[in-house]
Amino acid sequence: MRAPEWDIQTWTDHLQNRYQGVSLEKFLELLTKAGIQGGYEMTDLSDKNEEKIGVYRLDVPFPVDAIPITYTESKVDGKLLSIHLID
């Protein structure tokens, strides 16, 4: 997994700031979407000639912007191979 090398407090502050000033209605909408399997639209970035590894991206929405998550998985057995948070 690749992600910024932040400590717990930095991650907490970063995520809390993304919700700052949002209405309760919008907060609950985003929180609910996060709990639904397949709740985010996935984009297939895979090389069409690649038969063994798939590369996918999804953007997790927040009130101001989104956190991009790119991941790879085996097309053979579906196992998660890597995750990259925040480009």
N, C-alpha and C. Protein backbone atom coordinates (compact mmCIF):
# COMPACT_ATOMS: atom_id res chain seq x y z
N MET A 1 0.84 -1.17 0.00
CA MET A 1 0.00 0.00 0.00
C MET A 1 0.89 1.24 0.00
N ARG A 2 0.56 2.19 -0.85
CA ARG A 2 1.28 3.46 -0.87
C ARG A 2 0.31 4.56 -0.49
N ALA A 3 0.72 5.36 0.46
CA ALA A 3 -0.08 6.49 0.94
C ALA A 3 0.88 7.48 1.58
N PRO A 4 0.43 8.72 1.76
CA PRO A 4 1.29 9.68 2.45
C PRO A 4 1.72 9.14 3.82
N GLU A 5 2.93 9.39 4.20
CA GLU A 5 3.46 8.90 5.48
C GLU A 5 3.11 9.88 6.59
N TRP A 6 1.81 9.95 6.91
CA TRP A 6 1.31 10.83 7.94
C TRP A 6 1.08 10.05 9.22
N ASP A 7 1.19 10.72 10.35
CA ASP A 7 0.86 10.07 11.62
C ASP A 7 -0.66 10.09 11.80
N ILE A 8 -1.14 9.45 12.85
CA ILE A 8 -2.57 9.32 13.09
C ILE A 8 -3.25 10.68 13.17
N GLN A 9 -2.64 11.61 13.90
CA GLN A 9 -3.27 12.93 14.06
C GLN A 9 -3.36 13.67 12.73
N THR A 10 -2.34 13.57 11.90
CA THR A 10 -2.36 14.25 10.60
C THR A 10 -3.47 13.68 9.73
N TRP A 11 -3.61 12.34 9.69
CA TRP A 11 -4.70 11.71 8.93
C TRP A 11 -6.05 12.15 9.47
N THR A 12 -6.20 12.15 10.79
CA THR A 12 -7.46 12.55 11.42
C THR A 12 -7.81 13.99 11.04
N ASP A 13 -6.86 14.89 11.18
CA ASP A 13 -7.08 16.29 10.82
C ASP A 13 -7.44 16.44 9.35
N HIS A 14 -6.71 15.73 8.49
CA HIS A 14 -6.94 15.80 7.04
C HIS A 14 -8.37 15.38 6.70
N LEU A 15 -8.80 14.25 7.24
CA LEU A 15 -10.14 13.75 6.93
C LEU A 15 -11.23 14.62 7.56
N GLN A 16 -11.01 15.07 8.78
CA GLN A 16 -12.01 15.94 9.42
C GLN A 16 -12.16 17.25 8.66
N ASN A 17 -11.07 17.81 8.16
CA ASN A 17 -11.12 19.06 7.41
C ASN A 17 -11.91 18.91 6.11
N ARG A 18 -11.94 17.72 5.55
CA ARG A 18 -12.70 17.50 4.33
C ARG A 18 -14.21 17.61 4.55
N TYR A 19 -14.65 17.43 5.80
CA TYR A 19 -16.07 17.54 6.13
C TYR A 19 -16.44 18.87 6.78
N GLN A 20 -15.47 19.72 7.00
CA GLN A 20 -15.70 20.98 7.70
C GLN A 20 -16.74 21.83 6.97
N GLY A 21 -17.75 22.27 7.71
CA GLY A 21 -18.76 23.16 7.15
C GLY A 21 -19.86 22.47 6.35
N VAL A 22 -19.83 21.15 6.22
CA VAL A 22 -20.84 20.45 5.44
C VAL A 22 -22.12 20.27 6.27
N SER A 23 -23.25 20.29 5.60
CA SER A 23 -24.52 20.09 6.29
C SER A 23 -24.63 18.64 6.77
N LEU A 24 -25.47 18.44 7.76
CA LEU A 24 -25.69 17.09 8.27
C LEU A 24 -26.25 16.19 7.17
N GLU A 25 -27.13 16.72 6.35
CA GLU A 25 -27.72 15.95 5.25
C GLU A 25 -26.64 15.45 4.29
N LYS A 26 -25.75 16.33 3.87
CA LYS A 26 -24.67 15.95 2.95
C LYS A 26 -23.70 14.97 3.61
N PHE A 27 -23.39 15.21 4.88
CA PHE A 27 -22.50 14.32 5.63
C PHE A 27 -23.07 12.91 5.66
N LEU A 28 -24.34 12.79 5.99
CA LEU A 28 -24.97 11.47 6.06
C LEU A 28 -25.05 10.81 4.69
N GLU A 29 -25.28 11.61 3.65
CA GLU A 29 -25.31 11.06 2.29
C GLU A 29 -23.95 10.45 1.92
N LEU A 30 -22.87 11.17 2.20
CA LEU A 30 -21.53 10.67 1.89
C LEU A 30 -21.16 9.47 2.75
N LEU A 31 -21.51 9.52 4.01
CA LEU A 31 -21.22 8.42 4.93
C LEU A 31 -21.97 7.16 4.53
N THR A 32 -23.22 7.31 4.12
CA THR A 32 -24.02 6.17 3.69
C THR A 32 -23.43 5.54 2.43
N LYS A 33 -23.04 6.37 1.49
CA LYS A 33 -22.45 5.87 0.24
C LYS A 33 -21.19 5.06 0.53
N ALA A 34 -20.43 5.49 1.52
CA ALA A 34 -19.19 4.79 1.87
C ALA A 34 -19.47 3.39 2.39
N GLY A 35 -20.64 3.18 2.98
CA GLY A 35 -20.96 1.88 3.55
C GLY A 35 -21.62 0.92 2.58
N ILE A 36 -21.86 1.35 1.36
CA ILE A 36 -22.52 0.50 0.37
C ILE A 36 -21.46 -0.16 -0.51
N GLN A 37 -21.50 -1.49 -0.57
CA GLN A 37 -20.55 -2.19 -1.43
C GLN A 37 -20.83 -1.79 -2.88
N GLY A 38 -19.79 -1.38 -3.57
CA GLY A 38 -19.96 -0.92 -4.94
C GLY A 38 -20.57 0.47 -5.02
N GLY A 39 -20.50 1.24 -3.95
CA GLY A 39 -21.11 2.56 -3.90
C GLY A 39 -20.39 3.61 -4.72
N TYR A 40 -19.17 3.34 -5.14
CA TYR A 40 -18.40 4.30 -5.91
C TYR A 40 -18.19 3.79 -7.33
N GLU A 41 -18.19 4.72 -8.28
CA GLU A 41 -17.96 4.35 -9.67
C GLU A 41 -16.48 4.03 -9.86
N MET A 42 -16.22 2.88 -10.46
CA MET A 42 -14.86 2.44 -10.70
C MET A 42 -14.50 2.66 -12.17
N THR A 43 -13.28 3.10 -12.42
CA THR A 43 -12.78 3.26 -13.77
C THR A 43 -11.70 2.21 -14.02
N ASP A 44 -11.83 1.47 -15.10
CA ASP A 44 -10.86 0.44 -15.44
C ASP A 44 -9.72 1.09 -16.21
N LEU A 45 -8.52 1.07 -15.62
CA LEU A 45 -7.33 1.65 -16.25
C LEU A 45 -6.42 0.58 -16.85
N SER A 46 -6.89 -0.65 -16.85
CA SER A 46 -6.07 -1.78 -17.28
C SER A 46 -5.67 -1.68 -18.73
N ASP A 47 -4.49 -2.19 -19.02
CA ASP A 47 -4.05 -2.37 -20.39
C ASP A 47 -4.93 -3.48 -20.97
N LYS A 48 -5.59 -3.21 -22.07
CA LYS A 48 -6.54 -4.18 -22.63
C LYS A 48 -5.87 -5.50 -23.03
N ASN A 49 -4.55 -5.48 -23.24
CA ASN A 49 -3.82 -6.70 -23.61
C ASN A 49 -3.36 -7.48 -22.38
N GLU A 50 -3.50 -6.88 -21.19
CA GLU A 50 -3.06 -7.54 -19.95
C GLU A 50 -4.15 -8.51 -19.49
N GLU A 51 -3.78 -9.77 -19.38
CA GLU A 51 -4.75 -10.80 -19.02
C GLU A 51 -4.71 -11.20 -17.55
N LYS A 52 -3.65 -10.80 -16.82
CA LYS A 52 -3.48 -11.29 -15.45
C LYS A 52 -3.72 -10.25 -14.37
N ILE A 53 -3.48 -8.96 -14.68
CA ILE A 53 -3.59 -7.93 -13.64
C ILE A 53 -4.49 -6.79 -14.13
N GLY A 54 -5.46 -6.42 -13.29
CA GLY A 54 -6.34 -5.31 -13.58
C GLY A 54 -5.95 -4.10 -12.75
N VAL A 55 -6.06 -2.91 -13.34
CA VAL A 55 -5.77 -1.66 -12.65
C VAL A 55 -7.05 -0.83 -12.66
N TYR A 56 -7.47 -0.37 -11.47
CA TYR A 56 -8.74 0.32 -11.34
C TYR A 56 -8.57 1.57 -10.49
N ARG A 57 -9.45 2.54 -10.72
CA ARG A 57 -9.42 3.78 -9.94
C ARG A 57 -10.85 4.12 -9.52
N LEU A 58 -10.96 4.58 -8.28
CA LEU A 58 -12.23 5.13 -7.82
C LEU A 58 -11.93 6.39 -7.03
N ASP A 59 -12.84 7.32 -7.12
CA ASP A 59 -12.70 8.59 -6.41
C ASP A 59 -13.73 8.60 -5.28
N VAL A 60 -13.23 8.67 -4.05
CA VAL A 60 -14.10 8.71 -2.88
C VAL A 60 -14.48 10.17 -2.64
N PRO A 61 -15.77 10.51 -2.83
CA PRO A 61 -16.17 11.91 -2.74
C PRO A 61 -16.21 12.45 -1.31
N PHE A 62 -15.82 13.70 -1.21
CA PHE A 62 -15.93 14.49 0.01
C PHE A 62 -16.61 15.79 -0.40
N PRO A 63 -17.07 16.59 0.52
CA PRO A 63 -17.80 17.81 0.15
C PRO A 63 -17.03 18.74 -0.80
N VAL A 64 -15.74 18.88 -0.61
CA VAL A 64 -14.96 19.83 -1.41
C VAL A 64 -14.33 19.16 -2.64
N ASP A 65 -13.82 17.95 -2.46
CA ASP A 65 -13.16 17.25 -3.55
C ASP A 65 -13.25 15.75 -3.29
N ALA A 66 -12.36 14.98 -3.88
CA ALA A 66 -12.39 13.53 -3.71
C ALA A 66 -10.98 13.02 -3.45
N ILE A 67 -10.90 11.86 -2.80
CA ILE A 67 -9.62 11.18 -2.62
C ILE A 67 -9.55 10.08 -3.66
N PRO A 68 -8.56 10.14 -4.56
CA PRO A 68 -8.43 9.09 -5.56
C PRO A 68 -7.76 7.85 -4.97
N ILE A 69 -8.30 6.70 -5.29
CA ILE A 69 -7.72 5.43 -4.88
C ILE A 69 -7.51 4.60 -6.15
N THR A 70 -6.28 4.18 -6.36
CA THR A 70 -5.96 3.31 -7.48
C THR A 70 -5.53 1.98 -6.90
N TYR A 71 -6.03 0.90 -7.46
CA TYR A 71 -5.65 -0.42 -6.95
C TYR A 71 -5.48 -1.41 -8.09
N THR A 72 -4.70 -2.43 -7.82
CA THR A 72 -4.51 -3.52 -8.78
C THR A 72 -5.01 -4.81 -8.15
N GLU A 73 -5.55 -5.66 -9.00
CA GLU A 73 -5.98 -6.96 -8.53
C GLU A 73 -5.72 -8.01 -9.60
N SER A 74 -5.62 -9.23 -9.16
CA SER A 74 -5.40 -10.34 -10.08
C SER A 74 -6.69 -10.63 -10.84
N LYS A 75 -6.59 -10.73 -12.15
CA LYS A 75 -7.75 -11.11 -12.96
C LYS A 75 -7.96 -12.62 -12.89
N VAL A 76 -6.96 -13.32 -12.38
CA VAL A 76 -7.04 -14.77 -12.28
C VAL A 76 -7.85 -15.20 -11.07
N ASP A 77 -7.50 -14.67 -9.88
CA ASP A 77 -8.17 -15.11 -8.65
C ASP A 77 -8.85 -13.98 -7.88
N GLY A 78 -8.81 -12.74 -8.40
CA GLY A 78 -9.49 -11.62 -7.76
C GLY A 78 -8.80 -11.05 -6.53
N LYS A 79 -7.59 -11.52 -6.23
CA LYS A 79 -6.89 -11.02 -5.04
C LYS A 79 -6.37 -9.61 -5.25
N LEU A 80 -6.50 -8.81 -4.20
CA LEU A 80 -5.99 -7.44 -4.21
C LEU A 80 -4.47 -7.48 -4.18
N LEU A 81 -3.81 -6.78 -5.09
CA LEU A 81 -2.35 -6.79 -5.17
C LEU A 81 -1.72 -5.51 -4.62
N SER A 82 -2.37 -4.36 -4.84
CA SER A 82 -1.81 -3.11 -4.33
C SER A 82 -2.90 -2.05 -4.25
N ILE A 83 -2.63 -1.04 -3.39
CA ILE A 83 -3.52 0.11 -3.24
C ILE A 83 -2.65 1.36 -3.20
N HIS A 84 -3.07 2.41 -3.88
CA HIS A 84 -2.36 3.69 -3.85
C HIS A 84 -3.39 4.78 -3.54
N LEU A 85 -3.21 5.45 -2.42
CA LEU A 85 -4.09 6.53 -2.00
C LEU A 85 -3.49 7.88 -2.31
N ILE A 86 -4.28 8.79 -2.80
CA ILE A 86 -3.89 10.18 -3.02
C ILE A 86 -2.68 10.30 -3.94
N ASP A 87 -2.98 10.64 -5.18
CA ASP A 87 -1.90 10.81 -6.18
C ASP A 87 -1.03 11.98 -5.87
